[in-house]
PDB file of N, CA and C in Angstrom:
ATOM      1  N   MET A   1     -41.099 -10.114  41.584  1.00  0.00           N
ATOM      2  CA  MET A   1     -41.397  -9.251  41.599  1.00  0.00           C
ATOM      3  C   MET A   1     -40.161  -7.978  41.359  1.00  0.00           C
ATOM      4  N   VAL A   2     -40.494  -7.013  41.074  1.00  0.00           N
ATOM      5  CA  VAL A   2     -39.502  -6.010  40.279  1.00  0.00           C
ATOM      6  C   VAL A   2     -39.042  -5.177  41.645  1.00  0.00           C
ATOM      7  N   PRO A   3     -37.433  -5.013  41.826  1.00  0.00           N
ATOM      8  CA  PRO A   3     -37.261  -4.164  42.968  1.00  0.00           C
ATOM      9  C   PRO A   3     -37.188  -2.700  42.442  1.00  0.00           C
ATOM     10  N   LEU A   4     -37.616  -1.888  43.244  1.00  0.00           N
ATOM     11  CA  LEU A   4     -38.084  -0.552  42.914  1.00  0.00           C
ATOM     12  C   LEU A   4     -36.498   0.374  42.681  1.00  0.00           C
ATOM     13  N   SER A   5     -36.370   0.889  42.085  1.00  0.00           N
ATOM     14  CA  SER A   5     -35.367   1.973  41.888  1.00  0.00           C
ATOM     15  C   SER A   5     -34.928   3.155  43.126  1.00  0.00           C
ATOM     16  N   PRO A   6     -33.887   3.957  43.460  1.00  0.00           N
ATOM     17  CA  PRO A   6     -33.850   4.518  44.479  1.00  0.00           C
ATOM     18  C   PRO A   6     -34.548   5.483  44.331  1.00  0.00           C
ATOM     19  N   ASP A   7     -34.937   6.390  42.768  1.00  0.00           N
ATOM     20  CA  ASP A   7     -35.967   7.241  42.347  1.00  0.00           C
ATOM     21  C   ASP A   7     -37.655   7.085  43.214  1.00  0.00           C
ATOM     22  N   GLU A   8     -37.383   5.627  42.923  1.00  0.00           N
ATOM     23  CA  GLU A   8     -39.031   4.637  43.222  1.00  0.00           C
ATOM     24  C   GLU A   8     -39.557   4.948  44.518  1.00  0.00           C
ATOM     25  N   LYS A   9     -38.227   4.528  45.455  1.00  0.00           N
ATOM     26  CA  LYS A   9     -38.392   4.526  47.048  1.00  0.00           C
ATOM     27  C   LYS A   9     -38.541   5.803  47.640  1.00  0.00           C
ATOM     28  N   VAL A  10     -38.224   6.838  46.950  1.00  0.00           N
ATOM     29  CA  VAL A  10     -38.455   8.348  47.335  1.00  0.00           C
ATOM     30  C   VAL A  10     -39.681   8.546  46.988  1.00  0.00           C
ATOM     31  N   LEU A  11     -40.304   8.034  45.661  1.00  0.00           N
ATOM     32  CA  LEU A  11     -41.546   8.841  45.456  1.00  0.00           C
ATOM     33  C   LEU A  11     -42.941   8.028  46.010  1.00  0.00           C
ATOM     34  N   ARG A  12     -42.494   6.443  46.698  1.00  0.00           N
ATOM     35  CA  ARG A  12     -43.612   6.180  47.381  1.00  0.00           C
ATOM     36  C   ARG A  12     -43.673   6.662  48.848  1.00  0.00           C
ATOM     37  N   ALA A  13     -42.515   6.918  49.021  1.00  0.00           N
ATOM     38  CA  ALA A  13     -42.070   7.664  50.796  1.00  0.00           C
ATOM     39  C   ALA A  13     -42.874   8.826  50.622  1.00  0.00           C
ATOM     40  N   PHE A  14     -42.497   9.728  49.520  1.00  0.00           N
ATOM     41  CA  PHE A  14     -43.202  11.501  49.853  1.00  0.00           C
ATOM     42  C   PHE A  14     -44.134  11.577  49.260  1.00  0.00           C
ATOM     43  N   ILE A  15     -44.745  11.134  48.105  1.00  0.00           N
ATOM     44  CA  ILE A  15     -46.130  10.633  47.298  1.00  0.00           C
ATOM     45  C   ILE A  15     -47.132   9.805  48.053  1.00  0.00           C
ATOM     46  N   ARG A  16     -48.209  10.913  48.427  1.00  0.00           N
ATOM     47  CA  ARG A  16     -49.685   9.820  48.779  1.00  0.00           C
ATOM     48  C   ARG A  16     -50.574  10.269  48.377  1.00  0.00           C
ATOM     49  N   ASP A  17     -51.550   9.198  47.652  1.00  0.00           N
ATOM     50  CA  ASP A  17     -52.308  10.013  46.820  1.00  0.00           C
ATOM     51  C   ASP A  17     -52.422  10.815  45.763  1.00  0.00           C
ATOM     52  N   ASP A  18     -51.433  11.482  45.250  1.00  0.00           N
ATOM     53  CA  ASP A  18     -51.438  12.520  44.539  1.00  0.00           C
ATOM     54  C   ASP A  18     -51.034  13.453  45.369  1.00  0.00           C
ATOM     55  N   ARG A  19     -50.801  13.804  46.588  1.00  0.00           N
ATOM     56  CA  ARG A  19     -50.007  14.627  46.977  1.00  0.00           C
ATOM     57  C   ARG A  19     -48.763  14.280  48.060  1.00  0.00           C
ATOM     58  N   LEU A  20     -47.503  15.837  47.272  1.00  0.00           N
ATOM     59  CA  LEU A  20     -46.811  15.693  48.471  1.00  0.00           C
ATOM     60  C   LEU A  20     -47.286  15.145  50.173  1.00  0.00           C
ATOM     61  N   VAL A  21     -46.362  13.964  50.884  1.00  0.00           N
ATOM     62  CA  VAL A  21     -46.567  14.547  51.758  1.00  0.00           C
ATOM     63  C   VAL A  21     -45.874  15.396  53.018  1.00  0.00           C
ATOM     64  N   SER A  22     -44.685  15.761  52.304  1.00  0.00           N
ATOM     65  CA  SER A  22     -43.512  16.428  53.168  1.00  0.00           C
ATOM     66  C   SER A  22     -42.347  16.663  51.993  1.00  0.00           C
ATOM     67  N   ILE A  23     -41.551  17.667  52.292  1.00  0.00           N
ATOM     68  CA  ILE A  23     -40.865  17.638  51.155  1.00  0.00           C
ATOM     69  C   ILE A  23     -39.413  17.467  52.129  1.00  0.00           C
ATOM     70  N   PRO A  24     -38.931  16.673  51.421  1.00  0.00           N
ATOM     71  CA  PRO A  24     -37.987  16.045  51.837  1.00  0.00           C
ATOM     72  C   PRO A  24     -36.495  17.300  52.306  1.00  0.00           C
ATOM     73  N   ALA A  25     -36.052  16.565  53.700  1.00  0.00           N
ATOM     74  CA  ALA A  25     -34.936  17.880  53.659  1.00  0.00           C
ATOM     75  C   ALA A  25     -33.240  17.270  53.352  1.00  0.00           C
ATOM     76  N   ARG A  26     -33.367  15.910  53.145  1.00  0.00           N
ATOM     77  CA  ARG A  26     -32.166  15.505  52.214  1.00  0.00           C
ATOM     78  C   ARG A  26     -32.345  16.206  51.132  1.00  0.00           C
ATOM     79  N   ALA A  27     -31.139  16.998  50.359  1.00  0.00           N
ATOM     80  CA  ALA A  27     -31.271  17.199  49.403  1.00  0.00           C
ATOM     81  C   ALA A  27     -31.110  16.405  47.684  1.00  0.00           C
ATOM     82  N   GLN A  28     -30.858  15.431  47.778  1.00  0.00           N
ATOM     83  CA  GLN A  28     -30.826  14.747  46.839  1.00  0.00           C
ATOM     84  C   GLN A  28     -32.122  13.777  46.714  1.00  0.00           C
ATOM     85  N   LYS A  29     -33.212  13.476  47.934  1.00  0.00           N
ATOM     86  CA  LYS A  29     -34.650  13.115  47.895  1.00  0.00           C
ATOM     87  C   LYS A  29     -35.109  13.931  47.623  1.00  0.00           C
ATOM     88  N   ARG A  30     -34.893  15.268  47.877  1.00  0.00           N
ATOM     89  CA  ARG A  30     -35.543  16.124  47.523  1.00  0.00           C
ATOM     90  C   ARG A  30     -35.293  16.836  46.269  1.00  0.00           C
ATOM     91  N   LEU A  31     -33.813  16.379  45.154  1.00  0.00           N
ATOM     92  CA  LEU A  31     -34.319  16.314  43.667  1.00  0.00           C
ATOM     93  C   LEU A  31     -34.984  15.244  43.577  1.00  0.00           C
ATOM     94  N   VAL A  32     -34.999  14.701  43.500  1.00  0.00           N
ATOM     95  CA  VAL A  32     -36.325  13.253  42.805  1.00  0.00           C
ATOM     96  C   VAL A  32     -37.388  14.278  43.059  1.00  0.00           C
ATOM     97  N   ILE A  33     -38.059  14.367  43.961  1.00  0.00           N
ATOM     98  CA  ILE A  33     -39.512  14.992  44.116  1.00  0.00           C
ATOM     99  C   ILE A  33     -39.345  16.037  43.401  1.00  0.00           C
ATOM    100  N   LEU A  34     -38.530  17.355  43.177  1.00  0.00           N
ATOM    101  CA  LEU A  34     -39.054  18.679  42.228  1.00  0.00           C
ATOM    102  C   LEU A  34     -39.043  18.069  41.455  1.00  0.00           C
ATOM    103  N   ARG A  35     -37.629  16.784  39.991  1.00  0.00           N
ATOM    104  CA  ARG A  35     -37.843  15.939  38.624  1.00  0.00           C
ATOM    105  C   ARG A  35     -39.328  16.344  38.887  1.00  0.00           C
ATOM    106  N   TYR A  36     -39.554  14.983  39.611  1.00  0.00           N
ATOM    107  CA  TYR A  36     -41.041  15.012  39.834  1.00  0.00           C
ATOM    108  C   TYR A  36     -42.089  15.512  39.159  1.00  0.00           C
ATOM    109  N   LEU A  37     -42.152  16.548  40.221  1.00  0.00           N
ATOM    110  CA  LEU A  37     -42.828  17.459  40.194  1.00  0.00           C
ATOM    111  C   LEU A  37     -43.206  18.446  38.866  1.00  0.00           C
ATOM    112  N   ALA A  38     -41.898  18.795  38.573  1.00  0.00           N
ATOM    113  CA  ALA A  38     -41.670  19.914  37.333  1.00  0.00           C
ATOM    114  C   ALA A  38     -42.820  19.022  35.952  1.00  0.00           C
ATOM    115  N   ALA A  39     -41.775  17.547  35.923  1.00  0.00           N
ATOM    116  CA  ALA A  39     -42.511  16.469  35.137  1.00  0.00           C
ATOM    117  C   ALA A  39     -43.798  16.884  34.889  1.00  0.00           C
ATOM    118  N   GLN A  40     -44.669  16.393  36.393  1.00  0.00           N
ATOM    119  CA  GLN A  40     -46.279  16.330  36.233  1.00  0.00           C
ATOM    120  C   GLN A  40     -46.726  17.799  36.611  1.00  0.00           C
ATOM    121  N   CYS A  41     -46.356  18.754  36.669  1.00  0.00           N
ATOM    122  CA  CYS A  41     -47.011  19.933  37.197  1.00  0.00           C
ATOM    123  C   CYS A  41     -46.494  21.051  35.259  1.00  0.00           C
ATOM    124  N   PHE A  42     -45.684  20.736  34.910  1.00  0.00           N
ATOM    125  CA  PHE A  42     -45.166  21.573  33.549  1.00  0.00           C
ATOM    126  C   PHE A  42     -45.046  21.015  32.721  1.00  0.00           C
ATOM    127  N   THR A  43     -45.625  20.672  31.931  1.00  0.00           N
ATOM    128  CA  THR A  43     -45.457  19.864  30.727  1.00  0.00           C
ATOM    129  C   THR A  43     -45.624  20.611  29.101  1.00  0.00           C
ATOM    130  N   GLU A  44     -45.718  21.481  29.278  1.00  0.00           N
ATOM    131  CA  GLU A  44     -46.036  22.398  28.447  1.00  0.00           C
ATOM    132  C   GLU A  44     -44.504  23.362  28.194  1.00  0.00           C
ATOM    133  N   ASP A  45     -44.197  23.611  26.854  1.00  0.00           N
ATOM    134  CA  ASP A  45     -43.120  24.162  26.864  1.00  0.00           C
ATOM    135  C   ASP A  45     -42.956  26.209  26.469  1.00  0.00           C
ATOM    136  N   ARG A  46     -43.567  26.193  28.036  1.00  0.00           N
ATOM    137  CA  ARG A  46     -44.062  27.793  27.463  1.00  0.00           C
ATOM    138  C   ARG A  46     -43.997  28.364  29.161  1.00  0.00           C
ATOM    139  N   GLY A  47     -43.665  30.016  29.104  1.00  0.00           N
ATOM    140  CA  GLY A  47     -43.353  30.425  30.345  1.00  0.00           C
ATOM    141  C   GLY A  47     -45.255  30.485  31.570  1.00  0.00           C
ATOM    142  N   TYR A  48     -44.395  30.362  32.698  1.00  0.00           N
ATOM    143  CA  TYR A  48     -45.260  30.220  33.312  1.00  0.00           C
ATOM    144  C   TYR A  48     -45.656  31.821  34.604  1.00  0.00           C
ATOM    145  N   PRO A  49     -46.665  32.486  34.446  1.00  0.00           N
ATOM    146  CA  PRO A  49     -46.792  33.314  36.070  1.00  0.00           C
ATOM    147  C   PRO A  49     -46.634  32.912  36.844  1.00  0.00           C
ATOM    148  N   GLU A  50     -45.964  33.863  37.360  1.00  0.00           N
ATOM    149  CA  GLU A  50     -45.810  33.387  39.031  1.00  0.00           C
ATOM    150  C   GLU A  50     -47.310  32.362  39.835  1.00  0.00           C
ATOM    151  N   ALA A  51     -48.255  33.025  39.313  1.00  0.00           N
ATOM    152  CA  ALA A  51     -49.908  32.598  39.794  1.00  0.00           C
ATOM    153  C   ALA A  51     -49.993  31.188  39.457  1.00  0.00           C
ATOM    154  N   GLU A  52     -49.732  31.184  38.530  1.00  0.00           N
ATOM    155  CA  GLU A  52     -50.067  29.184  37.875  1.00  0.00           C
ATOM    156  C   GLU A  52     -49.367  28.462  38.508  1.00  0.00           C
ATOM    157  N   VAL A  53     -47.796  29.586  38.477  1.00  0.00           N
ATOM    158  CA  VAL A  53     -47.449  27.756  38.936  1.00  0.00           C
ATOM    159  C   VAL A  53     -47.586  27.581  40.163  1.00  0.00           C
ATOM    160  N   ASN A  54     -47.968  29.114  41.113  1.00  0.00           N
ATOM    161  CA  ASN A  54     -48.273  28.656  42.971  1.00  0.00           C
ATOM    162  C   ASN A  54     -49.566  27.319  42.748  1.00  0.00           C
ATOM    163  N   GLN A  55     -50.100  27.985  41.636  1.00  0.00           N
ATOM    164  CA  GLN A  55     -51.695  26.958  41.713  1.00  0.00           C
ATOM    165  C   GLN A  55     -51.667  25.589  41.197  1.00  0.00           C
ATOM    166  N   ARG A  56     -50.567  25.316  40.153  1.00  0.00           N
ATOM    167  CA  ARG A  56     -50.206  24.516  39.826  1.00  0.00           C
ATOM    168  C   ARG A  56     -49.638  23.384  41.041  1.00  0.00           C
ATOM    169  N   LEU A  57     -48.597  23.992  42.015  1.00  0.00           N
ATOM    170  CA  LEU A  57     -48.094  23.595  43.519  1.00  0.00           C
ATOM    171  C   LEU A  57     -48.607  23.118  43.875  1.00  0.00           C
ATOM    172  N   ALA A  58     -50.106  24.526  44.428  1.00  0.00           N
ATOM    173  CA  ALA A  58     -51.026  24.450  45.613  1.00  0.00           C
ATOM    174  C   ALA A  58     -51.606  22.752  45.228  1.00  0.00           C
ATOM    175  N   LEU A  59     -51.491  22.342  44.169  1.00  0.00           N
ATOM    176  CA  LEU A  59     -52.187  20.897  44.198  1.00  0.00           C
ATOM    177  C   LEU A  59     -51.214  19.641  44.693  1.00  0.00           C
ATOM    178  N   TRP A  60     -50.318  19.798  44.917  1.00  0.00           N
ATOM    179  CA  TRP A  60     -49.910  19.166  45.281  1.00  0.00           C
ATOM    180  C   TRP A  60     -49.363  19.126  47.071  1.00  0.00           C
ATOM    181  N   HIS A  61     -48.605  20.226  47.730  1.00  0.00           N
ATOM    182  CA  HIS A  61     -48.082  21.231  48.963  1.00  0.00           C
ATOM    183  C   HIS A  61     -48.844  22.088  49.151  1.00  0.00           C
ATOM    184  N   PRO A  62     -48.698  22.273  50.526  1.00  0.00           N
ATOM    185  CA  PRO A  62     -49.113  23.996  50.661  1.00  0.00           C
ATOM    186  C   PRO A  62     -48.086  25.215  50.344  1.00  0.00           C
ATOM    187  N   ASP A  63     -46.820  24.083  50.977  1.00  0.00           N
ATOM    188  CA  ASP A  63     -45.461  25.213  50.895  1.00  0.00           C
ATOM    189  C   ASP A  63     -44.991  25.324  49.321  1.00  0.00           C
ATOM    190  N   VAL A  64     -46.024  26.142  48.349  1.00  0.00           N
ATOM    191  CA  VAL A  64     -45.169  26.469  47.145  1.00  0.00           C
ATOM    192  C   VAL A  64     -44.232  27.440  46.477  1.00  0.00           C
ATOM    193  N   ALA A  65     -43.943  28.211  47.837  1.00  0.00           N
ATOM    194  CA  ALA A  65     -42.644  29.180  47.632  1.00  0.00           C
ATOM    195  C   ALA A  65     -41.374  28.082  47.904  1.00  0.00           C
ATOM    196  N   ALA A  66     -41.786  27.186  49.097  1.00  0.00           N
ATOM    197  CA  ALA A  66     -40.344  25.828  49.106  1.00  0.00           C
ATOM    198  C   ALA A  66     -40.117  25.547  47.599  1.00  0.00           C
ATOM    199  N   LEU A  67     -41.192  25.256  46.999  1.00  0.00           N
ATOM    200  CA  LEU A  67     -40.518  24.392  45.767  1.00  0.00           C
ATOM    201  C   LEU A  67     -40.838  25.206  44.816  1.00  0.00           C
ATOM    202  N   ARG A  68     -41.284  26.086  44.117  1.00  0.00           N
ATOM    203  CA  ARG A  68     -40.903  27.453  43.729  1.00  0.00           C
ATOM    204  C   ARG A  68     -39.578  27.304  43.462  1.00  0.00           C
ATOM    205  N   ARG A  69     -39.008  27.499  44.709  1.00  0.00           N
ATOM    206  CA  ARG A  69     -37.396  28.069  44.969  1.00  0.00           C
ATOM    207  C   ARG A  69     -36.388  27.136  45.173  1.00  0.00           C
ATOM    208  N   ASP A  70     -37.194  26.512  44.699  1.00  0.00           N
ATOM    209  CA  ASP A  70     -36.263  25.110  45.167  1.00  0.00           C
ATOM    210  C   ASP A  70     -36.071  24.938  44.068  1.00  0.00           C
ATOM    211  N   MET A  71     -37.179  24.839  43.021  1.00  0.00           N
ATOM    212  CA  MET A  71     -36.837  24.353  41.537  1.00  0.00           C
ATOM    213  C   MET A  71     -36.177  25.687  40.882  1.00  0.00           C
ATOM    214  N   VAL A  72     -36.045  26.424  41.161  1.00  0.00           N
ATOM    215  CA  VAL A  72     -35.057  27.733  40.363  1.00  0.00           C
ATOM    216  C   VAL A  72     -33.520  27.287  40.460  1.00  0.00           C
ATOM    217  N   ASP A  73     -33.345  27.120  42.170  1.00  0.00           N
ATOM    218  CA  ASP A  73     -32.224  26.860  42.925  1.00  0.00           C
ATOM    219  C   ASP A  73     -31.645  25.668  42.168  1.00  0.00           C
ATOM    220  N   ALA A  74     -32.591  24.176  42.123  1.00  0.00           N
ATOM    221  CA  ALA A  74     -32.151  23.189  41.196  1.00  0.00           C
ATOM    222  C   ALA A  74     -31.583  23.216  40.137  1.00  0.00           C
ATOM    223  N   GLY A  75     -31.966  24.219  39.123  1.00  0.00           N
ATOM    224  CA  GLY A  75     -32.096  24.413  37.678  1.00  0.00           C
ATOM    225  C   GLY A  75     -32.900  23.557  36.729  1.00  0.00           C
ATOM    226  N   LEU A  76     -33.917  23.514  37.966  1.00  0.00           N
ATOM    227  CA  LEU A  76     -35.178  22.740  36.660  1.00  0.00           C
ATOM    228  C   LEU A  76     -36.675  23.956  36.265  1.00  0.00           C
ATOM    229  N   MET A  77     -36.011  25.571  36.828  1.00  0.00           N
ATOM    230  CA  MET A  77     -36.716  26.125  35.705  1.00  0.00           C
ATOM    231  C   MET A  77     -36.230  27.849  36.313  1.00  0.00           C
ATOM    232  N   THR A  78     -36.351  28.203  35.551  1.00  0.00           N
ATOM    233  CA  THR A  78     -35.883  29.898  35.175  1.00  0.00           C
ATOM    234  C   THR A  78     -36.622  30.756  36.471  1.00  0.00           C
ATOM    235  N   ARG A  79     -36.486  32.184  36.167  1.00  0.00           N
ATOM    236  CA  ARG A  79     -37.598  32.433  36.282  1.00  0.00           C
ATOM    237  C   ARG A  79     -36.927  34.196  35.834  1.00  0.00           C
ATOM    238  N   ALA A  80     -38.084  35.022  35.217  1.00  0.00           N
ATOM    239  CA  ALA A  80     -37.453  35.884  34.478  1.00  0.00           C
ATOM    240  C   ALA A  80     -38.737  37.236  34.765  1.00  0.00           C
ATOM    241  N   GLY A  81     -39.022  37.949  35.298  1.00  0.00           N
ATOM    242  CA  GLY A  81     -40.360  38.835  35.785  1.00  0.00           C
ATOM    243  C   GLY A  81     -41.159  38.422  35.922  1.00  0.00           C
ATOM    244  N   GLY A  82     -41.296  37.524  37.517  1.00  0.00           N
ATOM    245  CA  GLY A  82     -42.287  37.003  37.331  1.00  0.00           C
ATOM    246  C   GLY A  82     -42.860  35.827  36.830  1.00  0.00           C
ATOM    247  N   VAL A  83     -42.163  35.254  35.655  1.00  0.00           N
ATOM    248  CA  VAL A  83     -42.482  33.955  34.785  1.00  0.00           C
ATOM    249  C   VAL A  83     -41.364  33.110  34.988  1.00  0.00           C
ATOM    250  N   TYR A  84     -41.800  31.846  35.307  1.00  0.00           N
ATOM    251  CA  TYR A  84     -41.291  30.793  35.279  1.00  0.00           C
ATOM    252  C   TYR A  84     -41.234  30.118  33.714  1.00  0.00           C
ATOM    253  N   ARG A  85     -40.000  29.291  33.662  1.00  0.00           N
ATOM    254  CA  ARG A  85     -40.081  28.381  32.473  1.00  0.00           C
ATOM    255  C   ARG A  85     -39.212  27.197  32.927  1.00  0.00           C
ATOM    256  N   ARG A  86     -39.867  25.860  32.099  1.00  0.00           N
ATOM    257  CA  ARG A  86     -38.844  24.983  32.571  1.00  0.00           C
ATOM    258  C   ARG A  86     -37.510  24.770  31.864  1.00  0.00           C
ATOM    259  N   THR A  87     -36.515  24.185  32.322  1.00  0.00           N
ATOM    260  CA  THR A  87     -35.566  24.404  31.675  1.00  0.00           C
ATOM    261  C   THR A  87     -34.901  23.007  31.138  1.00  0.00           C
TER     262      THR A  87
END
């Protein structure tokens, strides 16, 4: 049996049935989750209006505002004029 990487352990602990069970309090774990969500939700290289960002993140967790803000703060997305883009 292959041991899990630290990132895989975090993903297993916080994601169940394609839903984010809770947003990790620890910054390092939260960053793992945010990177994963960014890769899953925003695959196209284009701008996403805020309503679409909310819609995509809501499929994972109801606190879309926290996830959106954390992605921008972590440098995973930029926001300009209400349009979000992956960095």
